[in-house]
C-alpha atoms as a PDB file:
ATOM      1  CA  MET A   1     -30.011   2.801 -17.129  1.00  0.00           C
ATOM      2  CA  ASP A   2     -32.076  -0.597 -17.479  1.00  0.00           C
ATOM      3  CA  SER A   3     -36.061   0.038 -16.412  1.00  0.00           C
ATOM      4  CA  ILE A   4     -37.267  -0.865 -13.024  1.00  0.00           C
ATOM      5  CA  SER A   5     -41.018  -0.810 -13.880  1.00  0.00           C
ATOM      6  CA  GLY A   6     -41.215  -2.023 -17.578  1.00  0.00           C
ATOM      7  CA  VAL A   7     -42.897   2.030 -18.240  1.00  0.00           C
ATOM      8  CA  GLY A   8     -40.152   3.461 -19.318  1.00  0.00           C
ATOM      9  CA  VAL A   9     -41.415   7.175 -18.965  1.00  0.00           C
ATOM     10  CA  ILE A  10     -42.361   6.159 -15.637  1.00  0.00           C
ATOM     11  CA  ASP A  11     -38.919   5.618 -14.808  1.00  0.00           C
ATOM     12  CA  LYS A  12     -37.888   8.368 -16.103  1.00  0.00           C
ATOM     13  CA  ALA A  13     -39.970  10.793 -14.363  1.00  0.00           C
ATOM     14  CA  MET A  14     -38.505   9.388 -11.096  1.00  0.00           C
ATOM     15  CA  ARG A  15     -35.112   9.999 -12.259  1.00  0.00           C
ATOM     16  CA  VAL A  16     -36.211  13.241 -11.937  1.00  0.00           C
ATOM     17  CA  MET A  17     -37.908  13.534  -9.079  1.00  0.00           C
ATOM     18  CA  THR A  18     -35.006  11.537  -7.442  1.00  0.00           C
ATOM     19  CA  ALA A  19     -32.255  13.876  -8.802  1.00  0.00           C
ATOM     20  CA  LEU A  20     -33.768  16.793  -6.575  1.00  0.00           C
ATOM     21  CA  GLU A  21     -33.582  14.249  -3.057  1.00  0.00           C
ATOM     22  CA  GLY A  22     -30.618  16.707  -2.623  1.00  0.00           C
ATOM     23  CA  GLY A  23     -31.824  19.870  -3.057  1.00  0.00           C
ATOM     24  CA  PRO A  24     -33.224  22.409  -6.631  1.00  0.00           C
ATOM     25  CA  ARG A  25     -31.174  22.066  -9.711  1.00  0.00           C
ATOM     26  CA  ALA A  26     -31.214  23.769 -13.424  1.00  0.00           C
ATOM     27  CA  LEU A  27     -31.767  21.843 -16.266  1.00  0.00           C
ATOM     28  CA  GLY A  28     -28.489  21.552 -17.173  1.00  0.00           C
ATOM     29  CA  ALA A  29     -28.093  19.485 -13.784  1.00  0.00           C
ATOM     30  CA  LEU A  30     -30.566  17.580 -14.020  1.00  0.00           C
ATOM     31  CA  VAL A  31     -29.587  16.174 -17.974  1.00  0.00           C
ATOM     32  CA  GLU A  32     -26.318  15.339 -16.198  1.00  0.00           C
ATOM     33  CA  VAL A  33     -27.562  13.548 -13.285  1.00  0.00           C
ATOM     34  CA  THR A  34     -30.300  11.824 -15.088  1.00  0.00           C
ATOM     35  CA  GLY A  35     -28.563  10.963 -18.145  1.00  0.00           C
ATOM     36  CA  LEU A  36     -31.612  11.855 -20.066  1.00  0.00           C
ATOM     37  CA  THR A  37     -31.771  14.037 -22.973  1.00  0.00           C
ATOM     38  CA  ARG A  38     -31.979  17.945 -21.922  1.00  0.00           C
ATOM     39  CA  ALA A  39     -35.662  17.621 -24.127  1.00  0.00           C
ATOM     40  CA  THR A  40     -36.795  14.680 -22.360  1.00  0.00           C
ATOM     41  CA  ALA A  41     -35.201  16.225 -19.198  1.00  0.00           C
ATOM     42  CA  HIS A  42     -37.346  19.183 -19.722  1.00  0.00           C
ATOM     43  CA  ARG A  43     -40.322  17.550 -20.878  1.00  0.00           C
ATOM     44  CA  LEU A  44     -40.453  15.634 -17.921  1.00  0.00           C
ATOM     45  CA  ALA A  45     -39.908  18.263 -15.688  1.00  0.00           C
ATOM     46  CA  LYS A  46     -42.378  20.829 -17.281  1.00  0.00           C
ATOM     47  CA  GLY A  47     -44.955  17.924 -17.000  1.00  0.00           C
ATOM     48  CA  LEU A  48     -44.260  17.101 -13.108  1.00  0.00           C
ATOM     49  CA  GLU A  49     -44.390  20.732 -12.144  1.00  0.00           C
ATOM     50  CA  ALA A  50     -47.668  21.032 -14.212  1.00  0.00           C
ATOM     51  CA  HIS A  51     -48.960  18.420 -11.425  1.00  0.00           C
ATOM     52  CA  GLY A  52     -47.347  19.811  -8.646  1.00  0.00           C
ATOM     53  CA  LEU A  53     -44.819  17.294  -8.163  1.00  0.00           C
ATOM     54  CA  LEU A  54     -42.160  19.540  -9.096  1.00  0.00           C
ATOM     55  CA  ARG A  55     -42.071  22.925  -8.735  1.00  0.00           C
ATOM     56  CA  ARG A  56     -39.758  26.265  -9.509  1.00  0.00           C
ATOM     57  CA  ASP A  57     -37.880  28.197  -6.353  1.00  0.00           C
ATOM     58  CA  ALA A  58     -36.793  31.512  -6.241  1.00  0.00           C
ATOM     59  CA  GLU A  59     -33.559  31.259  -8.615  1.00  0.00           C
ATOM     60  CA  GLY A  60     -35.522  29.374 -11.493  1.00  0.00           C
ATOM     61  CA  ARG A  61     -34.539  25.684 -10.469  1.00  0.00           C
ATOM     62  CA  PHE A  62     -36.656  22.532 -10.621  1.00  0.00           C
ATOM     63  CA  ALA A  63     -37.725  21.057  -6.517  1.00  0.00           C
ATOM     64  CA  LEU A  64     -39.804  18.888  -5.045  1.00  0.00           C
ATOM     65  CA  GLY A  65     -43.236  20.396  -5.435  1.00  0.00           C
ATOM     66  CA  PHE A  66     -45.538  20.944  -2.201  1.00  0.00           C
ATOM     67  CA  ARG A  67     -47.787  18.294  -3.943  1.00  0.00           C
ATOM     68  CA  LEU A  68     -45.375  15.613  -2.296  1.00  0.00           C
ATOM     69  CA  VAL A  69     -46.237  16.621   0.956  1.00  0.00           C
ATOM     70  CA  ALA A  70     -49.749  16.160   0.735  1.00  0.00           C
ATOM     71  CA  LEU A  71     -49.082  12.679  -0.970  1.00  0.00           C
ATOM     72  CA  GLY A  72     -46.564  11.693   1.909  1.00  0.00           C
ATOM     73  CA  ARG A  73     -48.881  12.725   4.534  1.00  0.00           C
ATOM     74  CA  GLU A  74     -51.963  10.922   2.934  1.00  0.00           C
ATOM     75  CA  ALA A  75     -49.616   7.660   2.983  1.00  0.00           C
ATOM     76  CA  ALA A  76     -48.376   8.081   6.216  1.00  0.00           C
ATOM     77  CA  ARG A  77     -51.911   8.303   7.198  1.00  0.00           C
ATOM     78  CA  GLN A  78     -52.324   5.163   5.186  1.00  0.00           C
ATOM     79  CA  PHE A  79     -49.676   3.565   6.594  1.00  0.00           C
ATOM     80  CA  SER A  80     -50.708   0.845   9.486  1.00  0.00           C
ATOM     81  CA  LEU A  81     -47.260   0.715  11.341  1.00  0.00           C
ATOM     82  CA  ALA A  82     -47.993   4.670  12.083  1.00  0.00           C
ATOM     83  CA  ASP A  83     -51.486   4.227  13.106  1.00  0.00           C
ATOM     84  CA  ALA A  84     -50.252   1.312  15.571  1.00  0.00           C
ATOM     85  CA  ALA A  85     -47.327   3.676  16.748  1.00  0.00           C
ATOM     86  CA  ARG A  86     -49.263   6.692  17.861  1.00  0.00           C
ATOM     87  CA  PRO A  87     -50.601   6.252  21.386  1.00  0.00           C
ATOM     88  CA  ALA A  88     -46.920   4.639  22.007  1.00  0.00           C
ATOM     89  CA  LEU A  89     -45.027   8.119  20.197  1.00  0.00           C
ATOM     90  CA  ALA A  90     -48.269   9.939  21.959  1.00  0.00           C
ATOM     91  CA  ALA A  91     -47.010   8.718  25.195  1.00  0.00           C
ATOM     92  CA  LEU A  92     -43.157   9.319  24.614  1.00  0.00           C
ATOM     93  CA  ARG A  93     -43.330  12.594  23.659  1.00  0.00           C
ATOM     94  CA  ASP A  94     -45.940  13.224  27.180  1.00  0.00           C
ATOM     95  CA  GLN A  95     -42.813  11.322  28.673  1.00  0.00           C
ATOM     96  CA  THR A  96     -39.705  12.851  27.440  1.00  0.00           C
ATOM     97  CA  GLY A  97     -41.472  16.651  26.882  1.00  0.00           C
ATOM     98  CA  GLU A  98     -39.536  16.624  23.386  1.00  0.00           C
ATOM     99  CA  SER A  99     -40.231  15.599  19.718  1.00  0.00           C
ATOM    100  CA  VAL A 100     -40.865  12.022  18.569  1.00  0.00           C
ATOM    101  CA  GLN A 101     -40.565  10.694  15.125  1.00  0.00           C
ATOM    102  CA  LEU A 102     -41.023   7.170  13.584  1.00  0.00           C
ATOM    103  CA  TYR A 103     -39.191   6.555  10.616  1.00  0.00           C
ATOM    104  CA  VAL A 104     -39.324   3.674   7.844  1.00  0.00           C
ATOM    105  CA  ARG A 105     -36.327   2.934   5.605  1.00  0.00           C
ATOM    106  CA  ASP A 106     -36.367   3.724   1.395  1.00  0.00           C
ATOM    107  CA  GLY A 107     -32.895   2.621   0.216  1.00  0.00           C
ATOM    108  CA  ASP A 108     -30.674   5.027   1.226  1.00  0.00           C
ATOM    109  CA  MET A 109     -33.226   7.247   2.378  1.00  0.00           C
ATOM    110  CA  ARG A 110     -35.508   7.009   5.866  1.00  0.00           C
ATOM    111  CA  ILE A 111     -39.125   8.556   5.574  1.00  0.00           C
ATOM    112  CA  CYS A 112     -40.727   9.937   8.431  1.00  0.00           C
ATOM    113  CA  VAL A 113     -44.160   8.333   8.486  1.00  0.00           C
ATOM    114  CA  ASP A 114     -45.187  10.226  11.970  1.00  0.00           C
ATOM    115  CA  ALA A 115     -44.349  12.693  14.244  1.00  0.00           C
ATOM    116  CA  LEU A 116     -45.709  14.848  17.358  1.00  0.00           C
ATOM    117  CA  GLU A 117     -43.782  18.268  18.280  1.00  0.00           C
ATOM    118  CA  SER A 118     -42.957  19.210  21.786  1.00  0.00           C
ATOM    119  CA  PRO A 119     -44.935  21.531  23.432  1.00  0.00           C
ATOM    120  CA  HIS A 120     -41.422  24.071  24.018  1.00  0.00           C
ATOM    121  CA  GLY A 121     -41.395  26.639  21.836  1.00  0.00           C
ATOM    122  CA  LEU A 122     -37.699  25.664  21.158  1.00  0.00           C
ATOM    123  CA  ARG A 123     -37.786  22.449  19.363  1.00  0.00           C
ATOM    124  CA  THR A 124     -36.967  19.733  16.974  1.00  0.00           C
ATOM    125  CA  ILE A 125     -39.460  19.380  13.860  1.00  0.00           C
ATOM    126  CA  VAL A 126     -39.601  17.089  11.705  1.00  0.00           C
ATOM    127  CA  GLU A 127     -42.689  16.719   8.537  1.00  0.00           C
ATOM    128  CA  VAL A 128     -44.496  13.825   7.844  1.00  0.00           C
ATOM    129  CA  GLY A 129     -43.396  12.491   4.653  1.00  0.00           C
ATOM    130  CA  ALA A 130     -39.558  14.021   5.131  1.00  0.00           C
ATOM    131  CA  VAL A 131     -37.062  12.442   3.603  1.00  0.00           C
ATOM    132  CA  LEU A 132     -33.501  11.916   5.211  1.00  0.00           C
ATOM    133  CA  PRO A 133     -30.546  10.408   4.983  1.00  0.00           C
ATOM    134  CA  VAL A 134     -29.957   7.280   6.253  1.00  0.00           C
ATOM    135  CA  ASP A 135     -26.303   7.228   7.102  1.00  0.00           C
ATOM    136  CA  LYS A 136     -26.753   9.959   9.617  1.00  0.00           C
ATOM    137  CA  GLY A 137     -28.548  10.577  13.091  1.00  0.00           C
ATOM    138  CA  SER A 138     -29.858   7.893  15.328  1.00  0.00           C
ATOM    139  CA  ALA A 139     -32.445   6.619  13.802  1.00  0.00           C
ATOM    140  CA  GLY A 140     -30.871   6.550  10.896  1.00  0.00           C
ATOM    141  CA  ARG A 141     -28.121   3.948  11.899  1.00  0.00           C
ATOM    142  CA  VAL A 142     -30.792   1.727  13.972  1.00  0.00           C
ATOM    143  CA  LEU A 143     -32.365   1.393  10.142  1.00  0.00           C
ATOM    144  CA  LEU A 144     -28.830   0.430   9.192  1.00  0.00           C
ATOM    145  CA  GLY A 145     -28.783  -2.292  11.960  1.00  0.00           C
ATOM    146  CA  GLN A 146     -26.415  -0.392  14.298  1.00  0.00           C
ATOM    147  CA  THR A 147     -28.001  -0.856  17.331  1.00  0.00           C
ATOM    148  CA  GLY A 148     -25.746  -1.254  20.436  1.00  0.00           C
ATOM    149  CA  PRO A 149     -26.187  -3.530  23.393  1.00  0.00           C
ATOM    150  CA  GLN A 150     -28.191  -1.285  25.437  1.00  0.00           C
ATOM    151  CA  GLY A 151     -31.258  -1.575  22.540  1.00  0.00           C
ATOM    152  CA  TRP A 152     -31.096   2.071  21.614  1.00  0.00           C
ATOM    153  CA  VAL A 153     -28.694   4.410  19.410  1.00  0.00           C
ATOM    154  CA  ALA A 154     -27.960   8.254  20.467  1.00  0.00           C
ATOM    155  CA  SER A 155     -26.489  10.999  18.203  1.00  0.00           C
ATOM    156  CA  VAL A 156     -25.679  14.711  19.042  1.00  0.00           C
ATOM    157  CA  ALA A 157     -25.469  16.630  16.310  1.00  0.00           C
ATOM    158  CA  GLU A 158     -24.455  14.259  13.715  1.00  0.00           C
ATOM    159  CA  ARG A 159     -27.184  15.375  11.253  1.00  0.00           C
ATOM    160  CA  GLU A 160     -27.860  18.867  12.366  1.00  0.00           C
ATOM    161  CA  PRO A 161     -26.169  21.251  14.442  1.00  0.00           C
ATOM    162  CA  GLY A 162     -26.990  21.731  18.423  1.00  0.00           C
ATOM    163  CA  VAL A 163     -29.369  18.786  17.720  1.00  0.00           C
ATOM    164  CA  ALA A 164     -29.830  15.587  19.833  1.00  0.00           C
ATOM    165  CA  SER A 165     -31.862  12.170  19.180  1.00  0.00           C
ATOM    166  CA  VAL A 166     -31.662   8.538  20.470  1.00  0.00           C
ATOM    167  CA  SER A 167     -33.670   5.943  18.623  1.00  0.00           C
ATOM    168  CA  ALA A 168     -34.473   2.133  18.703  1.00  0.00           C
ATOM    169  CA  PRO A 169     -35.590  -0.402  16.473  1.00  0.00           C
ATOM    170  CA  VAL A 170     -38.958  -1.579  15.871  1.00  0.00           C
ATOM    171  CA  THR A 171     -39.151  -5.539  15.437  1.00  0.00           C
ATOM    172  CA  VAL A 172     -42.072  -7.199  13.698  1.00  0.00           C
ATOM    173  CA  GLY A 173     -41.563 -11.497  13.159  1.00  0.00           C
ATOM    174  CA  GLY A 174     -38.404 -10.419  13.449  1.00  0.00           C
ATOM    175  CA  GLU A 175     -37.853  -7.650  10.996  1.00  0.00           C
ATOM    176  CA  LEU A 176     -36.440  -4.532  11.473  1.00  0.00           C
ATOM    177  CA  VAL A 177     -39.608  -2.120  10.136  1.00  0.00           C
ATOM    178  CA  ALA A 178     -39.149   1.376  11.598  1.00  0.00           C
ATOM    179  CA  ALA A 179     -36.677   3.277  13.693  1.00  0.00           C
ATOM    180  CA  VAL A 180     -39.035   5.170  16.649  1.00  0.00           C
ATOM    181  CA  SER A 181     -37.076   8.190  18.077  1.00  0.00           C
ATOM    182  CA  VAL A 182     -37.049  11.163  20.158  1.00  0.00           C
ATOM    183  CA  SER A 183     -35.071  14.893  19.574  1.00  0.00           C
ATOM    184  CA  GLY A 184     -34.385  17.848  21.074  1.00  0.00           C
ATOM    185  CA  PRO A 185     -32.062  20.679  21.496  1.00  0.00           C
ATOM    186  CA  VAL A 186     -28.833  19.774  22.958  1.00  0.00           C
ATOM    187  CA  GLU A 187     -29.359  22.683  25.319  1.00  0.00           C
ATOM    188  CA  ARG A 188     -32.187  20.383  27.043  1.00  0.00           C
ATOM    189  CA  THR A 189     -31.053  17.113  26.192  1.00  0.00           C
ATOM    190  CA  GLY A 190     -27.311  17.576  27.512  1.00  0.00           C
ATOM    191  CA  SER A 191     -24.099  15.674  25.739  1.00  0.00           C
ATOM    192  CA  ASP A 192     -25.466  12.176  26.711  1.00  0.00           C
ATOM    193  CA  PRO A 193     -28.974  11.859  25.677  1.00  0.00           C
ATOM    194  CA  GLY A 194     -29.091   8.098  25.607  1.00  0.00           C
ATOM    195  CA  ALA A 195     -28.743   8.335  29.430  1.00  0.00           C
ATOM    196  CA  ARG A 196     -31.540  10.778  29.481  1.00  0.00           C
ATOM    197  CA  TYR A 197     -34.179   8.823  27.815  1.00  0.00           C
ATOM    198  CA  GLY A 198     -32.691   5.571  25.972  1.00  0.00           C
ATOM    199  CA  ALA A 199     -35.270   3.655  28.088  1.00  0.00           C
ATOM    200  CA  ALA A 200     -38.049   5.673  27.859  1.00  0.00           C
ATOM    201  CA  VAL A 201     -37.670   5.429  23.856  1.00  0.00           C
ATOM    202  CA  VAL A 202     -37.175   1.363  23.794  1.00  0.00           C
ATOM    203  CA  GLY A 203     -40.255   1.077  25.872  1.00  0.00           C
ATOM    204  CA  ALA A 204     -42.176   2.414  22.979  1.00  0.00           C
ATOM    205  CA  ALA A 205     -40.502   0.809  20.371  1.00  0.00           C
ATOM    206  CA  THR A 206     -41.712  -2.124  22.696  1.00  0.00           C
ATOM    207  CA  ARG A 207     -45.379  -0.823  22.726  1.00  0.00           C
ATOM    208  CA  ILE A 208     -45.421  -0.200  18.498  1.00  0.00           C
ATOM    209  CA  GLU A 209     -44.515  -4.215  18.657  1.00  0.00           C
ATOM    210  CA  HIS A 210     -47.107  -5.313  20.573  1.00  0.00           C
ATOM    211  CA  ALA A 211     -49.615  -2.515  18.587  1.00  0.00           C
ATOM    212  CA  SER A 212     -48.489  -4.415  15.565  1.00  0.00           C
ATOM    213  CA  ARG A 213     -49.055  -7.671  16.268  1.00  0.00           C
END
């Protein structure tokens, strides 16, 4: 496999970490997915574990480490778009009473760069730094450029059973840079969440665009 960064050990370490995005893997599975030798995969995984970037689960498999959560939160804090979006996200959360998120695309995945939780006991929880598939859920479809003529996309139980969401694109300088979402349990959002929250989400996206200029 060709080097991406020009620094072989970093590229190999990233192959190990990327292989764990879908969940924990035993060493043998890491070897199979990454194409690395068993000795190399083990050495890199142990080194990443020592820095908290990987950990072992209850079955002894390698998994992404908790240090990544802290790094992800710090990266999100430093991300100017998240800072600019915070007032609009707070207003959207207060207006809808549901959890809100801001996502950016990273290849075949999407990353939550900011999130505010609903005040309800039963609510959607997406951690800042969470990495989710870009091909599932309304935010993912927005980041794939699939926004409908109404300016928003809705999904019901698409990524997770019992959860509905509505998302709208955030564009800056004509470029799609993020998706703003509201999500909550279907029992509150109803089976047509777009009709209920679509206009509010589009309004939030517009405010974020203005704040980012």
